[in-house]
Each structure stands twice: as structure tokens, then as C-alpha cells.
Amino acid sequence: MLTIPYHFPMKAEYTTLSTKGQIIIPAEIREQMKLAVGTKLSIQRDGQTLILRPITPEFIDSLCGSTKGLGKLRDAMHRDDKER
């Protein structure tokens, strides 16, 4: 038997892209998600969908293993940063 979890409908909020490519996250959403000034966000594209996620310790933990094999690239990037 296939069980599909019930999801509460999401309330739609709307915003406009500025000429500088910026968006405003509506206050209600910022308050609900406890987003403060200076919060870093991850943005990913999934087809025609943009996914914004606050960079939190949980987000960082979810990345464990996602860069497997990229150690040499990461080391080179850190070397470049130190040289600047």
C-alpha cells in the first residue's frame, strides 16, 4: 500500500527581482524562519525552481560526503585564498 503524506498547502508570497538581481524575502517568512540581517543563504536551481536555504550548522552537516573526491580542488582553492 502506498501512503502519500498529507502536506498543508503553502501560502504563496510574491516578490520582484530588482535591477541588481536582488529579491526581498517577505517579513512574515523571515520571522517564521528566524532569518536575521546577514544570514547567509544557499541558492540552488532545480529545473525552473529556485531553492533558498539558510546556511545553518544543520545545512553544513547535510553536506558531509557531498564533496568526496574534491579534496585537491578544495586545497587549491584555499591556497589561492591565502595568497590573496
N, C-alpha and C. Protein backbone atom coordinates (compact mmCIF):
# COMPACT_ATOMS: atom_id res chain seq x y z
N MET A 1 0.84 -1.18 0.00
CA MET A 1 0.00 0.00 0.00
C MET A 1 0.88 1.24 0.00
N LEU A 2 0.62 2.15 -0.88
CA LEU A 2 1.36 3.39 -0.98
C LEU A 2 0.67 4.46 -0.16
N THR A 3 1.43 5.06 0.76
CA THR A 3 0.88 6.13 1.58
C THR A 3 1.54 7.43 1.18
N ILE A 4 0.77 8.40 0.85
CA ILE A 4 1.28 9.71 0.48
C ILE A 4 1.02 10.64 1.65
N PRO A 5 2.10 11.20 2.22
CA PRO A 5 1.90 12.09 3.37
C PRO A 5 1.13 13.34 2.96
N TYR A 6 0.28 13.79 3.85
CA TYR A 6 -0.50 15.00 3.59
C TYR A 6 0.36 16.21 3.88
N HIS A 7 0.42 17.14 2.97
CA HIS A 7 1.15 18.38 3.17
C HIS A 7 0.15 19.53 3.21
N PHE A 8 0.33 20.39 4.20
CA PHE A 8 -0.53 21.56 4.25
C PHE A 8 -0.19 22.46 3.06
N PRO A 9 -1.19 23.04 2.44
CA PRO A 9 -0.91 23.91 1.30
C PRO A 9 -0.04 25.08 1.74
N MET A 10 0.93 25.42 0.90
CA MET A 10 1.81 26.54 1.22
C MET A 10 1.13 27.83 0.80
N LYS A 11 1.24 28.81 1.66
CA LYS A 11 0.71 30.12 1.34
C LYS A 11 1.68 30.79 0.37
N ALA A 12 1.19 31.26 -0.73
CA ALA A 12 2.05 31.90 -1.73
C ALA A 12 2.37 33.32 -1.31
N GLU A 13 3.63 33.67 -1.44
CA GLU A 13 4.08 35.05 -1.25
C GLU A 13 4.73 35.45 -2.56
N TYR A 14 4.73 36.73 -2.87
CA TYR A 14 5.28 37.20 -4.13
C TYR A 14 6.29 38.30 -3.88
N THR A 15 7.29 38.37 -4.72
CA THR A 15 8.32 39.39 -4.64
C THR A 15 8.76 39.72 -6.06
N THR A 16 9.57 40.75 -6.21
CA THR A 16 10.02 41.19 -7.53
C THR A 16 11.54 41.22 -7.56
N LEU A 17 12.10 40.80 -8.66
CA LEU A 17 13.55 40.84 -8.85
C LEU A 17 13.95 42.27 -9.19
N SER A 18 14.94 42.81 -8.45
CA SER A 18 15.38 44.19 -8.71
C SER A 18 16.33 44.22 -9.91
N THR A 19 16.68 45.42 -10.33
CA THR A 19 17.61 45.57 -11.45
C THR A 19 18.99 45.03 -11.09
N LYS A 20 19.29 44.91 -9.81
CA LYS A 20 20.57 44.35 -9.36
C LYS A 20 20.48 42.85 -9.10
N GLY A 21 19.35 42.23 -9.42
CA GLY A 21 19.19 40.80 -9.23
C GLY A 21 18.84 40.42 -7.80
N GLN A 22 18.38 41.37 -7.01
CA GLN A 22 18.05 41.11 -5.61
C GLN A 22 16.55 40.84 -5.44
N ILE A 23 16.24 40.05 -4.41
CA ILE A 23 14.84 39.83 -4.04
C ILE A 23 14.67 40.16 -2.57
N ILE A 24 13.45 40.45 -2.20
CA ILE A 24 13.11 40.69 -0.79
C ILE A 24 12.32 39.49 -0.32
N ILE A 25 12.77 38.90 0.80
CA ILE A 25 12.01 37.81 1.41
C ILE A 25 10.98 38.47 2.32
N PRO A 26 9.70 38.20 2.11
CA PRO A 26 8.66 38.86 2.91
C PRO A 26 8.89 38.69 4.42
N ALA A 27 8.55 39.73 5.18
CA ALA A 27 8.79 39.76 6.63
C ALA A 27 8.21 38.55 7.34
N GLU A 28 7.00 38.14 6.96
CA GLU A 28 6.36 37.00 7.63
C GLU A 28 7.22 35.74 7.51
N ILE A 29 7.78 35.50 6.34
CA ILE A 29 8.63 34.33 6.13
C ILE A 29 9.93 34.48 6.91
N ARG A 30 10.53 35.69 6.88
CA ARG A 30 11.77 35.92 7.64
C ARG A 30 11.55 35.66 9.12
N GLU A 31 10.42 36.11 9.64
CA GLU A 31 10.11 35.91 11.06
C GLU A 31 9.88 34.44 11.37
N GLN A 32 9.10 33.75 10.53
CA GLN A 32 8.82 32.33 10.75
C GLN A 32 10.09 31.50 10.75
N MET A 33 11.03 31.86 9.86
CA MET A 33 12.27 31.08 9.72
C MET A 33 13.41 31.64 10.56
N LYS A 34 13.11 32.71 11.31
CA LYS A 34 14.11 33.34 12.17
C LYS A 34 15.36 33.75 11.38
N LEU A 35 15.13 34.39 10.22
CA LEU A 35 16.23 34.87 9.38
C LEU A 35 16.58 36.28 9.82
N ALA A 36 17.83 36.49 10.16
CA ALA A 36 18.29 37.80 10.63
C ALA A 36 19.12 38.47 9.54
N VAL A 37 19.32 39.76 9.70
CA VAL A 37 20.18 40.50 8.78
C VAL A 37 21.54 39.82 8.76
N GLY A 38 22.07 39.62 7.57
CA GLY A 38 23.38 39.00 7.43
C GLY A 38 23.36 37.48 7.31
N THR A 39 22.17 36.87 7.43
CA THR A 39 22.06 35.41 7.29
C THR A 39 22.53 35.01 5.89
N LYS A 40 23.44 34.07 5.82
CA LYS A 40 23.91 33.55 4.53
C LYS A 40 22.90 32.52 4.03
N LEU A 41 22.66 32.53 2.72
CA LEU A 41 21.70 31.61 2.11
C LEU A 41 22.36 30.83 0.99
N SER A 42 21.96 29.58 0.85
CA SER A 42 22.36 28.76 -0.28
C SER A 42 21.24 28.87 -1.30
N ILE A 43 21.59 29.02 -2.57
CA ILE A 43 20.58 29.04 -3.63
C ILE A 43 20.93 27.95 -4.64
N GLN A 44 19.96 27.11 -4.93
CA GLN A 44 20.14 26.02 -5.89
C GLN A 44 19.02 26.08 -6.92
N ARG A 45 19.34 25.61 -8.10
CA ARG A 45 18.34 25.55 -9.17
C ARG A 45 17.96 24.09 -9.38
N ASP A 46 16.66 23.84 -9.44
CA ASP A 46 16.12 22.51 -9.74
C ASP A 46 15.11 22.72 -10.86
N GLY A 47 15.60 22.64 -12.10
CA GLY A 47 14.73 22.93 -13.24
C GLY A 47 14.34 24.39 -13.21
N GLN A 48 13.05 24.66 -13.16
CA GLN A 48 12.54 26.03 -13.11
C GLN A 48 12.26 26.49 -11.68
N THR A 49 12.77 25.73 -10.70
CA THR A 49 12.54 26.05 -9.29
C THR A 49 13.83 26.52 -8.65
N LEU A 50 13.77 27.61 -7.88
CA LEU A 50 14.91 28.07 -7.09
C LEU A 50 14.68 27.67 -5.64
N ILE A 51 15.71 27.14 -5.02
CA ILE A 51 15.61 26.70 -3.63
C ILE A 51 16.57 27.53 -2.80
N LEU A 52 16.03 28.28 -1.85
CA LEU A 52 16.84 29.07 -0.91
C LEU A 52 16.85 28.35 0.42
N ARG A 53 18.04 28.16 0.98
CA ARG A 53 18.16 27.53 2.29
C ARG A 53 19.13 28.32 3.14
N PRO A 54 18.75 28.65 4.38
CA PRO A 54 19.70 29.34 5.25
C PRO A 54 20.87 28.40 5.57
N ILE A 55 22.07 28.96 5.60
CA ILE A 55 23.24 28.15 5.91
C ILE A 55 23.36 28.10 7.44
N THR A 56 22.98 26.95 7.97
CA THR A 56 22.99 26.69 9.40
C THR A 56 23.91 25.51 9.67
N PRO A 57 24.22 25.22 10.94
CA PRO A 57 25.02 24.03 11.22
C PRO A 57 24.39 22.76 10.65
N GLU A 58 23.05 22.67 10.68
CA GLU A 58 22.37 21.50 10.13
C GLU A 58 22.57 21.42 8.61
N PHE A 59 22.51 22.57 7.94
CA PHE A 59 22.74 22.60 6.49
C PHE A 59 24.15 22.12 6.19
N ILE A 60 25.12 22.62 6.93
CA ILE A 60 26.52 22.23 6.71
C ILE A 60 26.70 20.74 6.96
N ASP A 61 26.06 20.21 8.03
CA ASP A 61 26.14 18.77 8.30
C ASP A 61 25.56 17.96 7.16
N SER A 62 24.52 18.49 6.48
CA SER A 62 23.89 17.75 5.38
C SER A 62 24.81 17.65 4.17
N LEU A 63 25.85 18.46 4.14
CA LEU A 63 26.78 18.43 3.01
C LEU A 63 27.87 17.38 3.17
N CYS A 64 27.99 16.79 4.35
CA CYS A 64 29.05 15.81 4.60
C CYS A 64 29.02 14.72 3.53
N GLY A 65 30.16 14.51 2.90
CA GLY A 65 30.28 13.48 1.87
C GLY A 65 29.92 13.96 0.48
N SER A 66 29.33 15.14 0.36
CA SER A 66 28.92 15.61 -0.97
C SER A 66 30.10 16.12 -1.79
N THR A 67 31.24 16.32 -1.16
CA THR A 67 32.42 16.79 -1.89
C THR A 67 33.49 15.72 -1.98
N LYS A 68 33.09 14.48 -1.79
CA LYS A 68 34.04 13.38 -1.83
C LYS A 68 34.83 13.41 -3.14
N GLY A 69 36.14 13.34 -3.01
CA GLY A 69 37.00 13.35 -4.19
C GLY A 69 37.38 14.74 -4.65
N LEU A 70 36.85 15.76 -4.00
CA LEU A 70 37.16 17.13 -4.40
C LEU A 70 38.20 17.77 -3.49
N GLY A 71 38.87 16.96 -2.67
CA GLY A 71 39.85 17.48 -1.71
C GLY A 71 40.95 18.28 -2.36
N LYS A 72 41.47 17.81 -3.50
CA LYS A 72 42.55 18.53 -4.17
C LYS A 72 42.07 19.89 -4.66
N LEU A 73 40.87 19.94 -5.20
CA LEU A 73 40.32 21.21 -5.66
C LEU A 73 40.11 22.15 -4.48
N ARG A 74 39.56 21.61 -3.38
CA ARG A 74 39.33 22.42 -2.19
C ARG A 74 40.65 22.96 -1.65
N ASP A 75 41.69 22.12 -1.59
CA ASP A 75 43.00 22.56 -1.11
C ASP A 75 43.57 23.66 -1.99
N ALA A 76 43.42 23.52 -3.31
CA ALA A 76 43.93 24.53 -4.24
C ALA A 76 43.19 25.85 -4.04
N MET A 77 41.89 25.78 -3.82
CA MET A 77 41.11 27.00 -3.61
C MET A 77 41.56 27.70 -2.33
N HIS A 78 41.82 26.93 -1.27
CA HIS A 78 42.28 27.53 -0.01
C HIS A 78 43.66 28.15 -0.18
N ARG A 79 44.52 27.50 -0.97
CA ARG A 79 45.84 28.07 -1.24
C ARG A 79 45.69 29.41 -1.96
N ASP A 80 44.80 29.44 -2.96
CA ASP A 80 44.56 30.69 -3.70
C ASP A 80 44.07 31.79 -2.78
N ASP A 81 43.16 31.43 -1.84
CA ASP A 81 42.64 32.42 -0.90
C ASP A 81 43.74 32.97 -0.01
N LYS A 82 44.65 32.12 0.44
CA LYS A 82 45.72 32.55 1.34
C LYS A 82 46.70 33.47 0.63
N GLU A 83 46.88 33.26 -0.67
CA GLU A 83 47.82 34.07 -1.45
C GLU A 83 47.30 35.47 -1.70
N ARG A 84 46.00 35.66 -1.61
CA ARG A 84 45.39 36.98 -1.89
C ARG A 84 45.59 37.93 -0.78
